[in-house]
Amino acid sequence: PDKGTEMCLYELSVDEGYRRRGIGRALTLALADEAKARGCYGMW
């Protein structure tokens, strides 16, 4: 009620064979973009 809406990044997972290719970063940024589009004031 006194803060508005924020996004909680609940879980992030990248298959072992695809790690260290920027997929986790891209997913995190995509979630942040979605949070912004939904009017969230932040993400944690």
All heavy atoms as atom14 arrays in JSON, in Angstrom:
{
  "sequence": "PDKGTEMCLYELSVDEGYRRRGIGRALTLALADEAKARGCYGMW",
  "atom14_mask": [
    [1, 1, 1, 1, 1, 1, 1, 0, 0, 0, 0, 0, 0, 0],
    [1, 1, 1, 1, 1, 1, 1, 1, 0, 0, 0, 0, 0, 0],
    [1, 1, 1, 1, 1, 1, 1, 1, 1, 0, 0, 0, 0, 0],
    [1, 1, 1, 1, 0, 0, 0, 0, 0, 0, 0, 0, 0, 0],
    [1, 1, 1, 1, 1, 1, 1, 0, 0, 0, 0, 0, 0, 0],
    [1, 1, 1, 1, 1, 1, 1, 1, 1, 0, 0, 0, 0, 0],
    [1, 1, 1, 1, 1, 1, 1, 1, 0, 0, 0, 0, 0, 0],
    [1, 1, 1, 1, 1, 1, 0, 0, 0, 0, 0, 0, 0, 0],
    [1, 1, 1, 1, 1, 1, 1, 1, 0, 0, 0, 0, 0, 0],
    [1, 1, 1, 1, 1, 1, 1, 1, 1, 1, 1, 1, 0, 0],
    [1, 1, 1, 1, 1, 1, 1, 1, 1, 0, 0, 0, 0, 0],
    [1, 1, 1, 1, 1, 1, 1, 1, 0, 0, 0, 0, 0, 0],
    [1, 1, 1, 1, 1, 1, 0, 0, 0, 0, 0, 0, 0, 0],
    [1, 1, 1, 1, 1, 1, 1, 0, 0, 0, 0, 0, 0, 0],
    [1, 1, 1, 1, 1, 1, 1, 1, 0, 0, 0, 0, 0, 0],
    [1, 1, 1, 1, 1, 1, 1, 1, 1, 0, 0, 0, 0, 0],
    [1, 1, 1, 1, 0, 0, 0, 0, 0, 0, 0, 0, 0, 0],
    [1, 1, 1, 1, 1, 1, 1, 1, 1, 1, 1, 1, 0, 0],
    [1, 1, 1, 1, 1, 1, 1, 1, 1, 1, 1, 0, 0, 0],
    [1, 1, 1, 1, 1, 1, 1, 1, 1, 1, 1, 0, 0, 0],
    [1, 1, 1, 1, 1, 1, 1, 1, 1, 1, 1, 0, 0, 0],
    [1, 1, 1, 1, 0, 0, 0, 0, 0, 0, 0, 0, 0, 0],
    [1, 1, 1, 1, 1, 1, 1, 1, 0, 0, 0, 0, 0, 0],
    [1, 1, 1, 1, 0, 0, 0, 0, 0, 0, 0, 0, 0, 0],
    [1, 1, 1, 1, 1, 1, 1, 1, 1, 1, 1, 0, 0, 0],
    [1, 1, 1, 1, 1, 0, 0, 0, 0, 0, 0, 0, 0, 0],
    [1, 1, 1, 1, 1, 1, 1, 1, 0, 0, 0, 0, 0, 0],
    [1, 1, 1, 1, 1, 1, 1, 0, 0, 0, 0, 0, 0, 0],
    [1, 1, 1, 1, 1, 1, 1, 1, 0, 0, 0, 0, 0, 0],
    [1, 1, 1, 1, 1, 0, 0, 0, 0, 0, 0, 0, 0, 0],
    [1, 1, 1, 1, 1, 1, 1, 1, 0, 0, 0, 0, 0, 0],
    [1, 1, 1, 1, 1, 0, 0, 0, 0, 0, 0, 0, 0, 0],
    [1, 1, 1, 1, 1, 1, 1, 1, 0, 0, 0, 0, 0, 0],
    [1, 1, 1, 1, 1, 1, 1, 1, 1, 0, 0, 0, 0, 0],
    [1, 1, 1, 1, 1, 0, 0, 0, 0, 0, 0, 0, 0, 0],
    [1, 1, 1, 1, 1, 1, 1, 1, 1, 0, 0, 0, 0, 0],
    [1, 1, 1, 1, 1, 0, 0, 0, 0, 0, 0, 0, 0, 0],
    [1, 1, 1, 1, 1, 1, 1, 1, 1, 1, 1, 0, 0, 0],
    [1, 1, 1, 1, 0, 0, 0, 0, 0, 0, 0, 0, 0, 0],
    [1, 1, 1, 1, 1, 1, 0, 0, 0, 0, 0, 0, 0, 0],
    [1, 1, 1, 1, 1, 1, 1, 1, 1, 1, 1, 1, 0, 0],
    [1, 1, 1, 1, 0, 0, 0, 0, 0, 0, 0, 0, 0, 0],
    [1, 1, 1, 1, 1, 1, 1, 1, 0, 0, 0, 0, 0, 0],
    [1, 1, 1, 1, 1, 1, 1, 1, 1, 1, 1, 1, 1, 1]
  ],
  "atom14_positions": [
    [[0.79, -1.24, 0.0], [0.0, 0.0, 0.0], [0.82, 1.29, 0.0], [0.4, 2.29, -0.57], [-0.84, -0.1, 1.27], [-0.93, -1.55, 1.57], [0.36, -2.15, 1.08], [0.0, 0.0, 0.0], [0.0, 0.0, 0.0], [0.0, 0.0, 0.0], [0.0, 0.0, 0.0], [0.0, 0.0, 0.0], [0.0, 0.0, 0.0], [0.0, 0.0, 0.0]],
    [[2.0, 1.27, 0.62], [2.75, 2.53, 0.69], [3.96, 2.55, -0.25], [4.71, 3.52, -0.26], [3.2, 2.83, 2.12], [4.27, 1.87, 2.62], [4.36, 0.75, 2.11], [5.03, 2.27, 3.52], [0.0, 0.0, 0.0], [0.0, 0.0, 0.0], [0.0, 0.0, 0.0], [0.0, 0.0, 0.0], [0.0, 0.0, 0.0], [0.0, 0.0, 0.0]],
    [[4.15, 1.5, -1.03], [5.31, 1.46, -1.9], [4.97, 1.33, -3.38], [5.76, 1.69, -4.23], [6.23, 0.3, -1.5], [6.86, 0.48, -0.15], [7.67, -0.75, 0.25], [8.22, -0.63, 1.63], [7.23, -0.6, 2.68], [0.0, 0.0, 0.0], [0.0, 0.0, 0.0], [0.0, 0.0, 0.0], [0.0, 0.0, 0.0], [0.0, 0.0, 0.0]],
    [[3.84, 0.77, -3.68], [3.51, 0.48, -5.07], [3.95, -0.92, -5.42], [3.98, -1.81, -4.58], [0.0, 0.0, 0.0], [0.0, 0.0, 0.0], [0.0, 0.0, 0.0], [0.0, 0.0, 0.0], [0.0, 0.0, 0.0], [0.0, 0.0, 0.0], [0.0, 0.0, 0.0], [0.0, 0.0, 0.0], [0.0, 0.0, 0.0], [0.0, 0.0, 0.0]],
    [[4.34, -1.11, -6.67], [4.65, -2.45, -7.18], [6.12, -2.56, -7.54], [6.68, -1.7, -8.21], [3.8, -2.76, -8.43], [2.42, -2.59, -8.1], [4.02, -4.19, -8.91], [0.0, 0.0, 0.0], [0.0, 0.0, 0.0], [0.0, 0.0, 0.0], [0.0, 0.0, 0.0], [0.0, 0.0, 0.0], [0.0, 0.0, 0.0], [0.0, 0.0, 0.0]],
    [[6.73, -3.65, -7.08], [8.11, -3.97, -7.46], [8.13, -5.4, -7.97], [7.25, -6.2, -7.68], [9.08, -3.79, -6.3], [8.82, -4.7, -5.13], [9.76, -4.43, -3.95], [10.87, -3.95, -4.17], [9.35, -4.71, -2.82], [0.0, 0.0, 0.0], [0.0, 0.0, 0.0], [0.0, 0.0, 0.0], [0.0, 0.0, 0.0], [0.0, 0.0, 0.0]],
    [[9.16, -5.72, -8.74], [9.31, -7.06, -9.28], [10.36, -7.81, -8.47], [11.46, -7.31, -8.25], [9.75, -7.0, -10.75], [9.92, -8.35, -11.43], [8.39, -9.3, -11.67], [7.58, -8.32, -12.94], [0.0, 0.0, 0.0], [0.0, 0.0, 0.0], [0.0, 0.0, 0.0], [0.0, 0.0, 0.0], [0.0, 0.0, 0.0], [0.0, 0.0, 0.0]],
    [[10.01, -9.01, -8.05], [10.96, -9.9, -7.4], [11.43, -10.91, -8.46], [10.61, -11.61, -9.05], [10.29, -10.64, -6.24], [11.28, -12.01, -5.59], [0.0, 0.0, 0.0], [0.0, 0.0, 0.0], [0.0, 0.0, 0.0], [0.0, 0.0, 0.0], [0.0, 0.0, 0.0], [0.0, 0.0, 0.0], [0.0, 0.0, 0.0], [0.0, 0.0, 0.0]],
    [[12.73, -10.93, -8.72], [13.29, -11.97, -9.58], [13.33, -13.22, -8.7], [14.16, -13.32, -7.8], [14.68, -11.59, -10.07], [15.31, -12.5, -11.12], [16.4, -11.76, -11.89], [15.8, -13.81, -10.58], [0.0, 0.0, 0.0], [0.0, 0.0, 0.0], [0.0, 0.0, 0.0], [0.0, 0.0, 0.0], [0.0, 0.0, 0.0], [0.0, 0.0, 0.0]],
    [[12.41, -14.12, -8.94], [12.24, -15.27, -8.06], [13.28, -16.35, -8.32], [13.85, -16.91, -7.4], [10.83, -15.82, -8.22], [10.51, -16.93, -7.25], [10.28, -16.64, -5.9], [10.44, -18.25, -7.66], [10.0, -17.66, -5.0], [10.16, -19.27, -6.76], [9.94, -18.96, -5.43], [9.67, -19.96, -4.54], [0.0, 0.0, 0.0], [0.0, 0.0, 0.0]],
    [[13.51, -16.65, -9.6], [14.48, -17.7, -9.91], [15.04, -17.5, -11.31], [14.32, -17.11, -12.22], [13.81, -19.08, -9.82], [14.78, -20.22, -9.87], [14.18, -21.54, -9.41], [13.15, -21.53, -8.71], [14.76, -22.57, -9.75], [0.0, 0.0, 0.0], [0.0, 0.0, 0.0], [0.0, 0.0, 0.0], [0.0, 0.0, 0.0], [0.0, 0.0, 0.0]],
    [[16.32, -17.76, -11.45], [17.02, -17.69, -12.73], [17.79, -18.98, -12.91], [18.46, -19.44, -11.98], [17.99, -16.5, -12.76], [18.91, -16.38, -13.97], [18.11, -16.02, -15.22], [19.98, -15.33, -13.71], [0.0, 0.0, 0.0], [0.0, 0.0, 0.0], [0.0, 0.0, 0.0], [0.0, 0.0, 0.0], [0.0, 0.0, 0.0], [0.0, 0.0, 0.0]],
    [[17.69, -19.58, -14.09], [18.4, -20.83, -14.35], [18.83, -20.86, -15.81], [18.05, -20.51, -16.7], [17.5, -22.03, -14.05], [18.12, -23.24, -14.43], [0.0, 0.0, 0.0], [0.0, 0.0, 0.0], [0.0, 0.0, 0.0], [0.0, 0.0, 0.0], [0.0, 0.0, 0.0], [0.0, 0.0, 0.0], [0.0, 0.0, 0.0], [0.0, 0.0, 0.0]],
    [[20.07, -21.28, -16.04], [20.57, -21.49, -17.4], [21.13, -22.91, -17.44], [21.91, -23.31, -16.57], [21.66, -20.46, -17.77], [22.22, -20.76, -19.17], [21.09, -19.04, -17.72], [0.0, 0.0, 0.0], [0.0, 0.0, 0.0], [0.0, 0.0, 0.0], [0.0, 0.0, 0.0], [0.0, 0.0, 0.0], [0.0, 0.0, 0.0], [0.0, 0.0, 0.0]],
    [[20.72, -23.66, -18.46], [21.2, -25.02, -18.64], [22.73, -25.0, -18.69], [23.34, -24.13, -19.31], [20.63, -25.6, -19.93], [21.05, -27.03, -20.16], [20.35, -27.94, -19.7], [22.1, -27.22, -20.82], [0.0, 0.0, 0.0], [0.0, 0.0, 0.0], [0.0, 0.0, 0.0], [0.0, 0.0, 0.0], [0.0, 0.0, 0.0], [0.0, 0.0, 0.0]],
    [[23.34, -25.99, -18.05], [24.8, -26.03, -17.94], [25.5, -25.91, -19.3], [26.52, -25.24, -19.43], [25.22, -27.32, -17.24], [26.67, -27.31, -16.83], [27.02, -28.49, -15.93], [26.15, -28.97, -15.18], [28.18, -28.92, -16.01], [0.0, 0.0, 0.0], [0.0, 0.0, 0.0], [0.0, 0.0, 0.0], [0.0, 0.0, 0.0], [0.0, 0.0, 0.0]],
    [[24.95, -26.52, -20.32], [25.57, -26.48, -21.65], [25.49, -25.12, -22.33], [26.14, -24.91, -23.37], [0.0, 0.0, 0.0], [0.0, 0.0, 0.0], [0.0, 0.0, 0.0], [0.0, 0.0, 0.0], [0.0, 0.0, 0.0], [0.0, 0.0, 0.0], [0.0, 0.0, 0.0], [0.0, 0.0, 0.0], [0.0, 0.0, 0.0], [0.0, 0.0, 0.0]],
    [[24.71, -24.19, -21.77], [24.53, -22.87, -22.38], [25.08, -21.74, -21.51], [24.88, -20.57, -21.82], [23.06, -22.62, -22.65], [22.48, -23.53, -23.71], [21.82, -24.7, -23.37], [22.61, -23.22, -25.06], [21.3, -25.54, -24.33], [22.09, -24.06, -26.03], [21.44, -25.22, -25.66], [20.93, -26.04, -26.63], [0.0, 0.0, 0.0], [0.0, 0.0, 0.0]],
    [[25.77, -22.08, -20.44], [26.27, -21.04, -19.54], [27.43, -20.27, -20.13], [28.11, -20.73, -21.03], [26.66, -21.67, -18.19], [25.44, -22.17, -17.45], [25.77, -22.74, -16.1], [24.53, -23.24, -15.5], [24.49, -24.1, -14.52], [25.61, -24.54, -13.99], [23.34, -24.51, -14.05], [0.0, 0.0, 0.0], [0.0, 0.0, 0.0], [0.0, 0.0, 0.0]],
    [[27.64, -19.06, -19.58], [28.73, -18.16, -19.97], [28.59, -17.66, -21.41], [29.57, -17.41, -22.1], [30.09, -18.8, -19.73], [30.27, -19.21, -18.27], [31.67, -19.48, -17.84], [32.62, -18.43, -18.14], [32.8, -17.29, -17.46], [32.07, -17.04, -16.42], [33.71, -16.43, -17.82], [0.0, 0.0, 0.0], [0.0, 0.0, 0.0], [0.0, 0.0, 0.0]],
    [[27.33, -17.51, -21.84], [27.04, -16.98, -23.17], [26.16, -15.74, -23.11], [25.68, -15.27, -24.13], [26.35, -18.04, -24.03], [27.17, -19.27, -24.26], [26.45, -20.2, -25.19], [27.11, -21.48, -25.29], [26.73, -22.43, -26.12], [25.7, -22.25, -26.92], [27.37, -23.57, -26.16], [0.0, 0.0, 0.0], [0.0, 0.0, 0.0], [0.0, 0.0, 0.0]],
    [[25.88, -15.25, -21.9], [25.06, -14.05, -21.76], [23.56, -14.31, -21.65], [22.77, -13.37, -21.63], [0.0, 0.0, 0.0], [0.0, 0.0, 0.0], [0.0, 0.0, 0.0], [0.0, 0.0, 0.0], [0.0, 0.0, 0.0], [0.0, 0.0, 0.0], [0.0, 0.0, 0.0], [0.0, 0.0, 0.0], [0.0, 0.0, 0.0], [0.0, 0.0, 0.0]],
    [[23.17, -15.56, -21.55], [21.75, -15.89, -21.48], [21.14, -15.42, -20.16], [20.06, -14.84, -20.14], [21.52, -17.4, -21.72], [21.9, -17.74, -23.17], [20.08, -17.8, -21.42], [21.91, -19.22, -23.48], [0.0, 0.0, 0.0], [0.0, 0.0, 0.0], [0.0, 0.0, 0.0], [0.0, 0.0, 0.0], [0.0, 0.0, 0.0], [0.0, 0.0, 0.0]],
    [[21.83, -15.66, -19.05], [21.33, -15.21, -17.75], [21.17, -13.7, -17.71], [20.17, -13.18, -17.21], [0.0, 0.0, 0.0], [0.0, 0.0, 0.0], [0.0, 0.0, 0.0], [0.0, 0.0, 0.0], [0.0, 0.0, 0.0], [0.0, 0.0, 0.0], [0.0, 0.0, 0.0], [0.0, 0.0, 0.0], [0.0, 0.0, 0.0], [0.0, 0.0, 0.0]],
    [[22.17, -12.99, -18.22], [22.1, -11.52, -18.28], [20.93, -11.07, -19.14], [20.16, -10.19, -18.76], [23.41, -10.97, -18.84], [23.43, -9.46, -18.96], [24.8, -9.0, -19.54], [24.83, -7.57, -19.69], [24.41, -6.91, -20.76], [23.91, -7.56, -21.79], [24.47, -5.59, -20.8], [0.0, 0.0, 0.0], [0.0, 0.0, 0.0], [0.0, 0.0, 0.0]],
    [[20.77, -11.69, -20.31], [19.68, -11.32, -21.22], [18.31, -11.58, -20.57], [17.39, -10.77, -20.7], [19.8, -12.08, -22.54], [0.0, 0.0, 0.0], [0.0, 0.0, 0.0], [0.0, 0.0, 0.0], [0.0, 0.0, 0.0], [0.0, 0.0, 0.0], [0.0, 0.0, 0.0], [0.0, 0.0, 0.0], [0.0, 0.0, 0.0], [0.0, 0.0, 0.0]],
    [[18.17, -12.7, -19.87], [16.91, -13.0, -19.19], [16.63, -12.0, -18.08], [15.5, -11.53, -17.92], [16.94, -14.42, -18.62], [16.72, -15.54, -19.63], [17.18, -16.88, -19.06], [15.27, -15.6, -20.08], [0.0, 0.0, 0.0], [0.0, 0.0, 0.0], [0.0, 0.0, 0.0], [0.0, 0.0, 0.0], [0.0, 0.0, 0.0], [0.0, 0.0, 0.0]],
    [[17.67, -11.64, -17.32], [17.51, -10.67, -16.24], [17.09, -9.32, -16.8], [16.16, -8.67, -16.28], [18.82, -10.54, -15.44], [19.16, -11.83, -14.9], [18.69, -9.55, -14.31], [0.0, 0.0, 0.0], [0.0, 0.0, 0.0], [0.0, 0.0, 0.0], [0.0, 0.0, 0.0], [0.0, 0.0, 0.0], [0.0, 0.0, 0.0], [0.0, 0.0, 0.0]],
    [[17.72, -8.89, -17.88], [17.36, -7.61, -18.51], [15.95, -7.66, -19.1], [15.21, -6.66, -19.04], [18.39, -7.23, -19.56], [19.77, -6.85, -19.01], [20.78, -6.72, -20.14], [19.69, -5.57, -18.19], [0.0, 0.0, 0.0], [0.0, 0.0, 0.0], [0.0, 0.0, 0.0], [0.0, 0.0, 0.0], [0.0, 0.0, 0.0], [0.0, 0.0, 0.0]],
    [[15.57, -8.8, -19.67], [14.22, -8.94, -20.22], [13.17, -8.84, -19.11], [12.12, -8.23, -19.29], [14.08, -10.27, -20.97], [0.0, 0.0, 0.0], [0.0, 0.0, 0.0], [0.0, 0.0, 0.0], [0.0, 0.0, 0.0], [0.0, 0.0, 0.0], [0.0, 0.0, 0.0], [0.0, 0.0, 0.0], [0.0, 0.0, 0.0], [0.0, 0.0, 0.0]],
    [[13.46, -9.42, -17.95], [12.54, -9.31, -16.81], [12.47, -7.86, -16.33], [11.39, -7.36, -16.02], [12.95, -10.25, -15.68], [12.0, -10.26, -14.48], [10.6, -10.77, -14.88], [12.57, -11.11, -13.36], [0.0, 0.0, 0.0], [0.0, 0.0, 0.0], [0.0, 0.0, 0.0], [0.0, 0.0, 0.0], [0.0, 0.0, 0.0], [0.0, 0.0, 0.0]],
    [[13.62, -7.18, -16.29], [13.63, -5.77, -15.89], [12.82, -4.93, -16.87], [12.07, -4.03, -16.45], [15.06, -5.26, -15.79], [0.0, 0.0, 0.0], [0.0, 0.0, 0.0], [0.0, 0.0, 0.0], [0.0, 0.0, 0.0], [0.0, 0.0, 0.0], [0.0, 0.0, 0.0], [0.0, 0.0, 0.0], [0.0, 0.0, 0.0], [0.0, 0.0, 0.0]],
    [[12.93, -5.21, -18.15], [12.13, -4.49, -19.15], [10.64, -4.73, -18.93], [9.83, -3.81, -19.03], [12.52, -4.92, -20.57], [13.87, -4.39, -21.01], [14.41, -3.47, -20.36], [14.4, -4.92, -22.01], [0.0, 0.0, 0.0], [0.0, 0.0, 0.0], [0.0, 0.0, 0.0], [0.0, 0.0, 0.0], [0.0, 0.0, 0.0], [0.0, 0.0, 0.0]],
    [[10.29, -5.97, -18.64], [8.88, -6.31, -18.38], [8.41, -5.59, -17.12], [7.29, -5.08, -17.07], [8.72, -7.82, -18.23], [7.3, -8.27, -18.01], [6.36, -8.03, -19.18], [6.82, -8.03, -20.33], [5.14, -7.85, -18.93], [0.0, 0.0, 0.0], [0.0, 0.0, 0.0], [0.0, 0.0, 0.0], [0.0, 0.0, 0.0], [0.0, 0.0, 0.0]],
    [[9.25, -5.55, -16.09], [8.88, -4.85, -14.85], [8.62, -3.37, -15.13], [7.64, -2.81, -14.64], [9.99, -5.01, -13.81], [0.0, 0.0, 0.0], [0.0, 0.0, 0.0], [0.0, 0.0, 0.0], [0.0, 0.0, 0.0], [0.0, 0.0, 0.0], [0.0, 0.0, 0.0], [0.0, 0.0, 0.0], [0.0, 0.0, 0.0], [0.0, 0.0, 0.0]],
    [[9.48, -2.77, -15.92], [9.3, -1.36, -16.27], [8.0, -1.15, -17.05], [7.23, -0.22, -16.76], [10.49, -0.87, -17.09], [10.43, 0.6, -17.41], [11.68, 1.06, -18.15], [11.59, 2.55, -18.43], [12.78, 3.03, -19.15], [0.0, 0.0, 0.0], [0.0, 0.0, 0.0], [0.0, 0.0, 0.0], [0.0, 0.0, 0.0], [0.0, 0.0, 0.0]],
    [[7.74, -2.03, -18.0], [6.51, -1.93, -18.8], [5.27, -2.09, -17.93], [4.22, -1.52, -18.24], [6.52, -2.99, -19.91], [0.0, 0.0, 0.0], [0.0, 0.0, 0.0], [0.0, 0.0, 0.0], [0.0, 0.0, 0.0], [0.0, 0.0, 0.0], [0.0, 0.0, 0.0], [0.0, 0.0, 0.0], [0.0, 0.0, 0.0], [0.0, 0.0, 0.0]],
    [[5.37, -2.83, -16.84], [4.24, -3.04, -15.94], [4.12, -1.94, -14.89], [3.25, -1.99, -14.04], [4.39, -4.39, -15.24], [4.22, -5.57, -16.16], [4.6, -6.86, -15.46], [4.33, -8.0, -16.3], [3.62, -9.06, -15.94], [3.1, -9.12, -14.73], [3.43, -10.04, -16.78], [0.0, 0.0, 0.0], [0.0, 0.0, 0.0], [0.0, 0.0, 0.0]],
    [[5.03, -0.98, -14.91], [4.96, 0.13, -13.97], [5.62, -0.12, -12.63], [5.39, 0.63, -11.67], [0.0, 0.0, 0.0], [0.0, 0.0, 0.0], [0.0, 0.0, 0.0], [0.0, 0.0, 0.0], [0.0, 0.0, 0.0], [0.0, 0.0, 0.0], [0.0, 0.0, 0.0], [0.0, 0.0, 0.0], [0.0, 0.0, 0.0], [0.0, 0.0, 0.0]],
    [[6.46, -1.13, -12.53], [7.16, -1.4, -11.28], [8.19, -0.3, -11.01], [8.82, 0.2, -11.94], [7.88, -2.76, -11.34], [6.77, -4.19, -11.48], [0.0, 0.0, 0.0], [0.0, 0.0, 0.0], [0.0, 0.0, 0.0], [0.0, 0.0, 0.0], [0.0, 0.0, 0.0], [0.0, 0.0, 0.0], [0.0, 0.0, 0.0], [0.0, 0.0, 0.0]],
    [[8.37, 0.04, -9.75], [9.34, 1.08, -9.4], [10.74, 0.51, -9.24], [11.72, 1.25, -9.21], [8.93, 1.83, -8.13], [9.0, 1.03, -6.85], [10.19, 0.93, -6.14], [7.88, 0.38, -6.35], [10.26, 0.2, -4.96], [7.94, -0.35, -5.18], [9.12, -0.44, -4.49], [9.19, -1.17, -3.33], [0.0, 0.0, 0.0], [0.0, 0.0, 0.0]],
    [[10.87, -0.81, -9.15], [12.18, -1.43, -9.0], [12.07, -2.93, -9.12], [10.98, -3.49, -9.27], [0.0, 0.0, 0.0], [0.0, 0.0, 0.0], [0.0, 0.0, 0.0], [0.0, 0.0, 0.0], [0.0, 0.0, 0.0], [0.0, 0.0, 0.0], [0.0, 0.0, 0.0], [0.0, 0.0, 0.0], [0.0, 0.0, 0.0], [0.0, 0.0, 0.0]],
    [[13.23, -3.57, -9.08], [13.29, -5.03, -9.14], [14.39, -5.47, -8.18], [15.41, -4.79, -8.03], [13.64, -5.48, -10.56], [13.62, -6.98, -10.75], [13.7, -7.47, -12.5], [15.46, -7.61, -12.73], [0.0, 0.0, 0.0], [0.0, 0.0, 0.0], [0.0, 0.0, 0.0], [0.0, 0.0, 0.0], [0.0, 0.0, 0.0], [0.0, 0.0, 0.0]],
    [[14.19, -6.6, -7.52], [15.18, -7.1, -6.57], [15.28, -8.61, -6.63], [14.39, -9.28, -7.16], [14.86, -6.64, -5.14], [13.59, -7.22, -4.59], [12.32, -6.76, -4.79], [13.47, -8.37, -3.77], [11.42, -7.56, -4.13], [12.11, -8.56, -3.5], [14.39, -9.27, -3.24], [11.63, -9.61, -2.72], [13.92, -10.31, -2.45], [12.56, -10.47, -2.2]]
  ]
}
